[in-house]
Amino acid sequence: PKSTTHMVDLMLLKKLGYTENDVTLVAAGGISASLTMMEA
């Protein structure tokens, strides 16, 4: 939360006209954790 990746995700959703009801944002806790979650 409040990281650069969080910021750019929210800015992207705003640009696309999506809300967090349209796209589920997940705080993975780090890049490695994000990749592991995607693999799973």
ModelCIF file with pLDDT and N, C-alpha, C, O atoms, coordinates in Angstrom:
data_MODEL
#
_entry.id   MODEL 
#
_entity.id                         1 
_entity.type                       polymer 
_entity.pdbx_number_of_molecules   1 
#
_entity_poly.entity_id                      1 
_entity_poly.type                           'polypeptide(L)' 
_entity_poly.nstd_linkage                   no 
_entity_poly.nstd_monomer                   no 
_entity_poly.pdbx_seq_one_letter_code       PKSTTHMVDLMLLKKLGYTENDVTLVAAGGISASLTMMEA 
_entity_poly.pdbx_seq_one_letter_code_can   PKSTTHMVDLMLLKKLGYTENDVTLVAAGGISASLTMMEA 
_entity_poly.pdbx_strand_id                 A 
#
loop_
_entity_poly_seq.entity_id 
_entity_poly_seq.num 
_entity_poly_seq.mon_id 
_entity_poly_seq.hetero 
1 1  PRO n 
1 2  LYS n 
1 3  SER n 
1 4  THR n 
1 5  THR n 
1 6  HIS n 
1 7  MET n 
1 8  VAL n 
1 9  ASP n 
1 10 LEU n 
1 11 MET n 
1 12 LEU n 
1 13 LEU n 
1 14 LYS n 
1 15 LYS n 
1 16 LEU n 
1 17 GLY n 
1 18 TYR n 
1 19 THR n 
1 20 GLU n 
1 21 ASN n 
1 22 ASP n 
1 23 VAL n 
1 24 THR n 
1 25 LEU n 
1 26 VAL n 
1 27 ALA n 
1 28 ALA n 
1 29 GLY n 
1 30 GLY n 
1 31 ILE n 
1 32 SER n 
1 33 ALA n 
1 34 SER n 
1 35 LEU n 
1 36 THR n 
1 37 MET n 
1 38 MET n 
1 39 GLU n 
1 40 ALA n 
#
_struct_asym.id          A 
_struct_asym.entity_id   1 
#
loop_
_ma_qa_metric.id 
_ma_qa_metric.mode 
_ma_qa_metric.name 
_ma_qa_metric.software_group_id 
_ma_qa_metric.type 
1 global pLDDT . pLDDT 
2 local  pLDDT . pLDDT 
#
_ma_qa_metric_global.metric_id      1 
_ma_qa_metric_global.metric_value   93.75 
_ma_qa_metric_global.model_id       1 
_ma_qa_metric_global.ordinal_id     1 
#
loop_
_ma_qa_metric_local.label_asym_id 
_ma_qa_metric_local.label_comp_id 
_ma_qa_metric_local.label_seq_id 
_ma_qa_metric_local.metric_id 
_ma_qa_metric_local.metric_value 
_ma_qa_metric_local.model_id 
_ma_qa_metric_local.ordinal_id 
A PRO 1  2 90.00 1 1  
A LYS 2  2 86.00 1 2  
A SER 3  2 87.00 1 3  
A THR 4  2 89.00 1 4  
A THR 5  2 92.00 1 5  
A HIS 6  2 93.00 1 6  
A MET 7  2 93.00 1 7  
A VAL 8  2 95.00 1 8  
A ASP 9  2 97.00 1 9  
A LEU 10 2 96.00 1 10 
A MET 11 2 96.00 1 11 
A LEU 12 2 97.00 1 12 
A LEU 13 2 97.00 1 13 
A LYS 14 2 96.00 1 14 
A LYS 15 2 96.00 1 15 
A LEU 16 2 96.00 1 16 
A GLY 17 2 96.00 1 17 
A TYR 18 2 96.00 1 18 
A THR 19 2 94.00 1 19 
A GLU 20 2 91.00 1 20 
A ASN 21 2 95.00 1 21 
A ASP 22 2 97.00 1 22 
A VAL 23 2 97.00 1 23 
A THR 24 2 97.00 1 24 
A LEU 25 2 97.00 1 25 
A VAL 26 2 96.00 1 26 
A ALA 27 2 95.00 1 27 
A ALA 28 2 93.00 1 28 
A GLY 29 2 91.00 1 29 
A GLY 30 2 86.00 1 30 
A ILE 31 2 85.00 1 31 
A SER 32 2 89.00 1 32 
A ALA 33 2 93.00 1 33 
A SER 34 2 93.00 1 34 
A LEU 35 2 95.00 1 35 
A THR 36 2 95.00 1 36 
A MET 37 2 96.00 1 37 
A MET 38 2 97.00 1 38 
A GLU 39 2 95.00 1 39 
A ALA 40 2 95.00 1 40 
#
loop_
_atom_site.group_PDB 
_atom_site.id 
_atom_site.type_symbol 
_atom_site.label_atom_id 
_atom_site.label_alt_id 
_atom_site.label_comp_id 
_atom_site.label_asym_id 
_atom_site.label_entity_id 
_atom_site.label_seq_id 
_atom_site.pdbx_PDB_ins_code 
_atom_site.Cartn_x 
_atom_site.Cartn_y 
_atom_site.Cartn_z 
_atom_site.occupancy 
_atom_site.B_iso_or_equiv 
_atom_site.pdbx_formal_charge 
_atom_site.auth_seq_id 
_atom_site.auth_comp_id 
_atom_site.auth_asym_id 
_atom_site.auth_atom_id 
_atom_site.pdbx_PDB_model_num 
ATOM 1   N N  . PRO A 1 1  ? 0.833   -1.215  0.000   1.00 90.00 ? 1  PRO A N  1 
ATOM 2   C CA . PRO A 1 1  ? 0.000   0.000   0.000   1.00 90.00 ? 1  PRO A CA 1 
ATOM 3   C C  . PRO A 1 1  ? 0.864   1.261   0.000   1.00 90.00 ? 1  PRO A C  1 
ATOM 4   O O  . PRO A 1 1  ? 1.877   1.332   0.697   1.00 90.00 ? 1  PRO A O  1 
ATOM 5   N N  . LYS A 1 2  ? 0.452   2.249   -0.789  1.00 86.00 ? 2  LYS A N  1 
ATOM 6   C CA . LYS A 1 2  ? 1.098   3.558   -0.908  1.00 86.00 ? 2  LYS A CA 1 
ATOM 7   C C  . LYS A 1 2  ? 2.452   3.492   -1.623  1.00 86.00 ? 2  LYS A C  1 
ATOM 8   O O  . LYS A 1 2  ? 3.210   4.462   -1.616  1.00 86.00 ? 2  LYS A O  1 
ATOM 9   N N  . SER A 1 3  ? 2.746   2.363   -2.228  1.00 87.00 ? 3  SER A N  1 
ATOM 10  C CA . SER A 1 3  ? 3.986   2.219   -2.978  1.00 87.00 ? 3  SER A CA 1 
ATOM 11  C C  . SER A 1 3  ? 3.834   2.815   -4.380  1.00 87.00 ? 3  SER A C  1 
ATOM 12  O O  . SER A 1 3  ? 2.741   3.211   -4.785  1.00 87.00 ? 3  SER A O  1 
ATOM 13  N N  . THR A 1 4  ? 4.945   2.871   -5.109  1.00 89.00 ? 4  THR A N  1 
ATOM 14  C CA . THR A 1 4  ? 4.895   3.369   -6.483  1.00 89.00 ? 4  THR A CA 1 
ATOM 15  C C  . THR A 1 4  ? 4.029   2.470   -7.358  1.00 89.00 ? 4  THR A C  1 
ATOM 16  O O  . THR A 1 4  ? 3.266   2.961   -8.190  1.00 89.00 ? 4  THR A O  1 
ATOM 17  N N  . THR A 1 5  ? 4.143   1.149   -7.175  1.00 92.00 ? 5  THR A N  1 
ATOM 18  C CA . THR A 1 5  ? 3.328   0.248   -7.993  1.00 92.00 ? 5  THR A CA 1 
ATOM 19  C C  . THR A 1 5  ? 1.840   0.409   -7.671  1.00 92.00 ? 5  THR A C  1 
ATOM 20  O O  . THR A 1 5  ? 0.998   0.301   -8.563  1.00 92.00 ? 5  THR A O  1 
ATOM 21  N N  . HIS A 1 6  ? 1.514   0.664   -6.403  1.00 93.00 ? 6  HIS A N  1 
ATOM 22  C CA . HIS A 1 6  ? 0.121   0.941   -6.026  1.00 93.00 ? 6  HIS A CA 1 
ATOM 23  C C  . HIS A 1 6  ? -0.356  2.221   -6.718  1.00 93.00 ? 6  HIS A C  1 
ATOM 24  O O  . HIS A 1 6  ? -1.469  2.277   -7.241  1.00 93.00 ? 6  HIS A O  1 
ATOM 25  N N  . MET A 1 7  ? 0.492   3.235   -6.714  1.00 93.00 ? 7  MET A N  1 
ATOM 26  C CA . MET A 1 7  ? 0.144   4.512   -7.322  1.00 93.00 ? 7  MET A CA 1 
ATOM 27  C C  . MET A 1 7  ? -0.133  4.369   -8.818  1.00 93.00 ? 7  MET A C  1 
ATOM 28  O O  . MET A 1 7  ? -1.142  4.869   -9.316  1.00 93.00 ? 7  MET A O  1 
ATOM 29  N N  . VAL A 1 8  ? 0.761   3.687   -9.531  1.00 95.00 ? 8  VAL A N  1 
ATOM 30  C CA . VAL A 1 8  ? 0.567   3.597   -10.980 1.00 95.00 ? 8  VAL A CA 1 
ATOM 31  C C  . VAL A 1 8  ? -0.643  2.728   -11.320 1.00 95.00 ? 8  VAL A C  1 
ATOM 32  O O  . VAL A 1 8  ? -1.299  2.963   -12.335 1.00 95.00 ? 8  VAL A O  1 
ATOM 33  N N  . ASP A 1 9  ? -0.948  1.739   -10.498 1.00 97.00 ? 9  ASP A N  1 
ATOM 34  C CA . ASP A 1 9  ? -2.155  0.932   -10.736 1.00 97.00 ? 9  ASP A CA 1 
ATOM 35  C C  . ASP A 1 9  ? -3.411  1.782   -10.620 1.00 97.00 ? 9  ASP A C  1 
ATOM 36  O O  . ASP A 1 9  ? -4.305  1.700   -11.463 1.00 97.00 ? 9  ASP A O  1 
ATOM 37  N N  . LEU A 1 10 ? -3.475  2.600   -9.570  1.00 96.00 ? 10 LEU A N  1 
ATOM 38  C CA . LEU A 1 10 ? -4.652  3.461   -9.389  1.00 96.00 ? 10 LEU A CA 1 
ATOM 39  C C  . LEU A 1 10 ? -4.744  4.522   -10.487 1.00 96.00 ? 10 LEU A C  1 
ATOM 40  O O  . LEU A 1 10 ? -5.837  4.838   -10.958 1.00 96.00 ? 10 LEU A O  1 
ATOM 41  N N  . MET A 1 11 ? -3.618  5.060   -10.884 1.00 96.00 ? 11 MET A N  1 
ATOM 42  C CA . MET A 1 11 ? -3.620  6.038   -11.973 1.00 96.00 ? 11 MET A CA 1 
ATOM 43  C C  . MET A 1 11 ? -4.082  5.390   -13.274 1.00 96.00 ? 11 MET A C  1 
ATOM 44  O O  . MET A 1 11 ? -4.790  6.015   -14.065 1.00 96.00 ? 11 MET A O  1 
ATOM 45  N N  . LEU A 1 12 ? -3.688  4.152   -13.494 1.00 97.00 ? 12 LEU A N  1 
ATOM 46  C CA . LEU A 1 12 ? -4.118  3.435   -14.692 1.00 97.00 ? 12 LEU A CA 1 
ATOM 47  C C  . LEU A 1 12 ? -5.624  3.207   -14.677 1.00 97.00 ? 12 LEU A C  1 
ATOM 48  O O  . LEU A 1 12 ? -6.300  3.464   -15.674 1.00 97.00 ? 12 LEU A O  1 
ATOM 49  N N  . LEU A 1 13 ? -6.156  2.725   -13.548 1.00 97.00 ? 13 LEU A N  1 
ATOM 50  C CA . LEU A 1 13 ? -7.593  2.480   -13.461 1.00 97.00 ? 13 LEU A CA 1 
ATOM 51  C C  . LEU A 1 13 ? -8.385  3.762   -13.710 1.00 97.00 ? 13 LEU A C  1 
ATOM 52  O O  . LEU A 1 13 ? -9.412  3.754   -14.388 1.00 97.00 ? 13 LEU A O  1 
ATOM 53  N N  . LYS A 1 14 ? -7.886  4.865   -13.146 1.00 96.00 ? 14 LYS A N  1 
ATOM 54  C CA . LYS A 1 14 ? -8.540  6.153   -13.361 1.00 96.00 ? 14 LYS A CA 1 
ATOM 55  C C  . LYS A 1 14 ? -8.542  6.521   -14.840 1.00 96.00 ? 14 LYS A C  1 
ATOM 56  O O  . LYS A 1 14 ? -9.550  7.004   -15.355 1.00 96.00 ? 14 LYS A O  1 
ATOM 57  N N  . LYS A 1 15 ? -7.441  6.302   -15.516 1.00 96.00 ? 15 LYS A N  1 
ATOM 58  C CA . LYS A 1 15 ? -7.351  6.610   -16.941 1.00 96.00 ? 15 LYS A CA 1 
ATOM 59  C C  . LYS A 1 15 ? -8.306  5.738   -17.749 1.00 96.00 ? 15 LYS A C  1 
ATOM 60  O O  . LYS A 1 15 ? -8.950  6.225   -18.678 1.00 96.00 ? 15 LYS A O  1 
ATOM 61  N N  . LEU A 1 16 ? -8.403  4.456   -17.406 1.00 96.00 ? 16 LEU A N  1 
ATOM 62  C CA . LEU A 1 16 ? -9.254  3.524   -18.144 1.00 96.00 ? 16 LEU A CA 1 
ATOM 63  C C  . LEU A 1 16 ? -10.734 3.674   -17.799 1.00 96.00 ? 16 LEU A C  1 
ATOM 64  O O  . LEU A 1 16 ? -11.600 3.140   -18.492 1.00 96.00 ? 16 LEU A O  1 
ATOM 65  N N  . GLY A 1 17 ? -11.012 4.408   -16.717 1.00 96.00 ? 17 GLY A N  1 
ATOM 66  C CA . GLY A 1 17 ? -12.405 4.560   -16.293 1.00 96.00 ? 17 GLY A CA 1 
ATOM 67  C C  . GLY A 1 17 ? -12.901 3.378   -15.484 1.00 96.00 ? 17 GLY A C  1 
ATOM 68  O O  . GLY A 1 17 ? -14.107 3.171   -15.357 1.00 96.00 ? 17 GLY A O  1 
ATOM 69  N N  . TYR A 1 18 ? -11.967 2.593   -14.929 1.00 96.00 ? 18 TYR A N  1 
ATOM 70  C CA . TYR A 1 18 ? -12.324 1.449   -14.105 1.00 96.00 ? 18 TYR A CA 1 
ATOM 71  C C  . TYR A 1 18 ? -12.232 1.808   -12.626 1.00 96.00 ? 18 TYR A C  1 
ATOM 72  O O  . TYR A 1 18 ? -11.515 2.734   -12.246 1.00 96.00 ? 18 TYR A O  1 
ATOM 73  N N  . THR A 1 19 ? -12.961 1.073   -11.801 1.00 94.00 ? 19 THR A N  1 
ATOM 74  C CA . THR A 1 19 ? -12.857 1.215   -10.354 1.00 94.00 ? 19 THR A CA 1 
ATOM 75  C C  . THR A 1 19 ? -12.302 -0.087  -9.786  1.00 94.00 ? 19 THR A C  1 
ATOM 76  O O  . THR A 1 19 ? -12.068 -1.043  -10.525 1.00 94.00 ? 19 THR A O  1 
ATOM 77  N N  . GLU A 1 20 ? -12.096 -0.120  -8.490  1.00 91.00 ? 20 GLU A N  1 
ATOM 78  C CA . GLU A 1 20 ? -11.602 -1.345  -7.862  1.00 91.00 ? 20 GLU A CA 1 
ATOM 79  C C  . GLU A 1 20 ? -12.698 -2.403  -7.775  1.00 91.00 ? 20 GLU A C  1 
ATOM 80  O O  . GLU A 1 20 ? -12.440 -3.532  -7.356  1.00 91.00 ? 20 GLU A O  1 
ATOM 81  N N  . ASN A 1 21 ? -13.924 -2.041  -8.171  1.00 95.00 ? 21 ASN A N  1 
ATOM 82  C CA . ASN A 1 21 ? -14.970 -3.042  -8.329  1.00 95.00 ? 21 ASN A CA 1 
ATOM 83  C C  . ASN A 1 21 ? -14.836 -3.738  -9.680  1.00 95.00 ? 21 ASN A C  1 
ATOM 84  O O  . ASN A 1 21 ? -15.255 -4.883  -9.847  1.00 95.00 ? 21 ASN A O  1 
ATOM 85  N N  . ASP A 1 22 ? -14.245 -3.027  -10.642 1.00 97.00 ? 22 ASP A N  1 
ATOM 86  C CA . ASP A 1 22 ? -14.034 -3.610  -11.973 1.00 97.00 ? 22 ASP A CA 1 
ATOM 87  C C  . ASP A 1 22 ? -12.766 -4.455  -12.024 1.00 97.00 ? 22 ASP A C  1 
ATOM 88  O O  . ASP A 1 22 ? -12.728 -5.508  -12.661 1.00 97.00 ? 22 ASP A O  1 
ATOM 89  N N  . VAL A 1 23 ? -11.733 -3.976  -11.343 1.00 97.00 ? 23 VAL A N  1 
ATOM 90  C CA . VAL A 1 23 ? -10.442 -4.663  -11.307 1.00 97.00 ? 23 VAL A CA 1 
ATOM 91  C C  . VAL A 1 23 ? -10.045 -4.842  -9.843  1.00 97.00 ? 23 VAL A C  1 
ATOM 92  O O  . VAL A 1 23 ? -10.009 -3.870  -9.089  1.00 97.00 ? 23 VAL A O  1 
ATOM 93  N N  . THR A 1 24 ? -9.752  -6.053  -9.442  1.00 97.00 ? 24 THR A N  1 
ATOM 94  C CA . THR A 1 24 ? -9.353  -6.314  -8.061  1.00 97.00 ? 24 THR A CA 1 
ATOM 95  C C  . THR A 1 24 ? -7.861  -6.064  -7.898  1.00 97.00 ? 24 THR A C  1 
ATOM 96  O O  . THR A 1 24 ? -7.032  -6.725  -8.524  1.00 97.00 ? 24 THR A O  1 
ATOM 97  N N  . LEU A 1 25 ? -7.533  -5.094  -7.042  1.00 97.00 ? 25 LEU A N  1 
ATOM 98  C CA . LEU A 1 25 ? -6.128  -4.803  -6.758  1.00 97.00 ? 25 LEU A CA 1 
ATOM 99  C C  . LEU A 1 25 ? -5.666  -5.628  -5.556  1.00 97.00 ? 25 LEU A C  1 
ATOM 100 O O  . LEU A 1 25 ? -6.352  -5.691  -4.536  1.00 97.00 ? 25 LEU A O  1 
ATOM 101 N N  . VAL A 1 26 ? -4.505  -6.253  -5.689  1.00 96.00 ? 26 VAL A N  1 
ATOM 102 C CA . VAL A 1 26 ? -3.996  -7.136  -4.643  1.00 96.00 ? 26 VAL A CA 1 
ATOM 103 C C  . VAL A 1 26 ? -2.622  -6.656  -4.185  1.00 96.00 ? 26 VAL A C  1 
ATOM 104 O O  . VAL A 1 26 ? -1.696  -6.542  -4.988  1.00 96.00 ? 26 VAL A O  1 
ATOM 105 N N  . ALA A 1 27 ? -2.496  -6.375  -2.881  1.00 95.00 ? 27 ALA A N  1 
ATOM 106 C CA . ALA A 1 27 ? -1.197  -6.013  -2.298  1.00 95.00 ? 27 ALA A CA 1 
ATOM 107 C C  . ALA A 1 27 ? -0.454  -7.309  -1.997  1.00 95.00 ? 27 ALA A C  1 
ATOM 108 O O  . ALA A 1 27 ? -0.762  -7.998  -1.025  1.00 95.00 ? 27 ALA A O  1 
ATOM 109 N N  . ALA A 1 28 ? 0.528   -7.637  -2.837  1.00 93.00 ? 28 ALA A N  1 
ATOM 110 C CA . ALA A 1 28 ? 1.202   -8.933  -2.723  1.00 93.00 ? 28 ALA A CA 1 
ATOM 111 C C  . ALA A 1 28 ? 2.295   -8.946  -1.667  1.00 93.00 ? 28 ALA A C  1 
ATOM 112 O O  . ALA A 1 28 ? 2.684   -10.010 -1.186  1.00 93.00 ? 28 ALA A O  1 
ATOM 113 N N  . GLY A 1 29 ? 2.803   -7.746  -1.296  1.00 91.00 ? 29 GLY A N  1 
ATOM 114 C CA . GLY A 1 29 ? 3.857   -7.688  -0.296  1.00 91.00 ? 29 GLY A CA 1 
ATOM 115 C C  . GLY A 1 29 ? 5.254   -7.620  -0.878  1.00 91.00 ? 29 GLY A C  1 
ATOM 116 O O  . GLY A 1 29 ? 6.234   -7.585  -0.134  1.00 91.00 ? 29 GLY A O  1 
ATOM 117 N N  . GLY A 1 30 ? 5.356   -7.600  -2.185  1.00 86.00 ? 30 GLY A N  1 
ATOM 118 C CA . GLY A 1 30 ? 6.665   -7.518  -2.826  1.00 86.00 ? 30 GLY A CA 1 
ATOM 119 C C  . GLY A 1 30 ? 6.614   -8.113  -4.221  1.00 86.00 ? 30 GLY A C  1 
ATOM 120 O O  . GLY A 1 30 ? 5.640   -8.771  -4.586  1.00 86.00 ? 30 GLY A O  1 
ATOM 121 N N  . ILE A 1 31 ? 7.661   -7.884  -5.000  1.00 85.00 ? 31 ILE A N  1 
ATOM 122 C CA . ILE A 1 31 ? 7.689   -8.358  -6.377  1.00 85.00 ? 31 ILE A CA 1 
ATOM 123 C C  . ILE A 1 31 ? 7.744   -9.886  -6.438  1.00 85.00 ? 31 ILE A C  1 
ATOM 124 O O  . ILE A 1 31 ? 7.009   -10.508 -7.205  1.00 85.00 ? 31 ILE A O  1 
ATOM 125 N N  . SER A 1 32 ? 8.613   -10.482 -5.630  1.00 89.00 ? 32 SER A N  1 
ATOM 126 C CA . SER A 1 32 ? 8.722   -11.949 -5.639  1.00 89.00 ? 32 SER A CA 1 
ATOM 127 C C  . SER A 1 32 ? 7.398   -12.600 -5.279  1.00 89.00 ? 32 SER A C  1 
ATOM 128 O O  . SER A 1 32 ? 6.987   -13.593 -5.881  1.00 89.00 ? 32 SER A O  1 
ATOM 129 N N  . ALA A 1 33 ? 6.739   -12.019 -4.283  1.00 93.00 ? 33 ALA A N  1 
ATOM 130 C CA . ALA A 1 33 ? 5.439   -12.560 -3.883  1.00 93.00 ? 33 ALA A CA 1 
ATOM 131 C C  . ALA A 1 33 ? 4.419   -12.402 -4.999  1.00 93.00 ? 33 ALA A C  1 
ATOM 132 O O  . ALA A 1 33 ? 3.583   -13.283 -5.201  1.00 93.00 ? 33 ALA A O  1 
ATOM 133 N N  . SER A 1 34 ? 4.476   -11.289 -5.726  1.00 93.00 ? 34 SER A N  1 
ATOM 134 C CA . SER A 1 34 ? 3.558   -11.076 -6.850  1.00 93.00 ? 34 SER A CA 1 
ATOM 135 C C  . SER A 1 34 ? 3.736   -12.155 -7.906  1.00 93.00 ? 34 SER A C  1 
ATOM 136 O O  . SER A 1 34 ? 2.759   -12.706 -8.415  1.00 93.00 ? 34 SER A O  1 
ATOM 137 N N  . LEU A 1 35 ? 4.990   -12.453 -8.231  1.00 95.00 ? 35 LEU A N  1 
ATOM 138 C CA . LEU A 1 35 ? 5.268   -13.465 -9.258  1.00 95.00 ? 35 LEU A CA 1 
ATOM 139 C C  . LEU A 1 35 ? 4.806   -14.846 -8.806  1.00 95.00 ? 35 LEU A C  1 
ATOM 140 O O  . LEU A 1 35 ? 4.263   -15.621 -9.593  1.00 95.00 ? 35 LEU A O  1 
ATOM 141 N N  . THR A 1 36 ? 5.032   -15.144 -7.520  1.00 95.00 ? 36 THR A N  1 
ATOM 142 C CA . THR A 1 36 ? 4.595   -16.436 -6.983  1.00 95.00 ? 36 THR A CA 1 
ATOM 143 C C  . THR A 1 36 ? 3.078   -16.564 -7.043  1.00 95.00 ? 36 THR A C  1 
ATOM 144 O O  . THR A 1 36 ? 2.549   -17.611 -7.415  1.00 95.00 ? 36 THR A O  1 
ATOM 145 N N  . MET A 1 37 ? 2.384   -15.493 -6.676  1.00 96.00 ? 37 MET A N  1 
ATOM 146 C CA . MET A 1 37 ? 0.922   -15.506 -6.711  1.00 96.00 ? 37 MET A CA 1 
ATOM 147 C C  . MET A 1 37 ? 0.408   -15.661 -8.136  1.00 96.00 ? 37 MET A C  1 
ATOM 148 O O  . MET A 1 37 ? -0.586  -16.348 -8.368  1.00 96.00 ? 37 MET A O  1 
ATOM 149 N N  . MET A 1 38 ? 1.081   -15.025 -9.090  1.00 97.00 ? 38 MET A N  1 
ATOM 150 C CA . MET A 1 38 ? 0.649   -15.146 -10.482 1.00 97.00 ? 38 MET A CA 1 
ATOM 151 C C  . MET A 1 38 ? 0.848   -16.579 -10.976 1.00 97.00 ? 38 MET A C  1 
ATOM 152 O O  . MET A 1 38 ? -0.010  -17.115 -11.678 1.00 97.00 ? 38 MET A O  1 
ATOM 153 N N  . GLU A 1 39 ? 1.963   -17.198 -10.618 1.00 95.00 ? 39 GLU A N  1 
ATOM 154 C CA . GLU A 1 39 ? 2.211   -18.584 -11.017 1.00 95.00 ? 39 GLU A CA 1 
ATOM 155 C C  . GLU A 1 39 ? 1.145   -19.516 -10.447 1.00 95.00 ? 39 GLU A C  1 
ATOM 156 O O  . GLU A 1 39 ? 0.763   -20.503 -11.075 1.00 95.00 ? 39 GLU A O  1 
ATOM 157 N N  . ALA A 1 40 ? 0.664   -19.179 -9.226  1.00 95.00 ? 40 ALA A N  1 
ATOM 158 C CA . ALA A 1 40 ? -0.338  -20.023 -8.573  1.00 95.00 ? 40 ALA A CA 1 
ATOM 159 C C  . ALA A 1 40 ? -1.761  -19.691 -9.007  1.00 95.00 ? 40 ALA A C  1 
ATOM 160 O O  . ALA A 1 40 ? -2.711  -20.320 -8.541  1.00 95.00 ? 40 ALA A O  1 
#
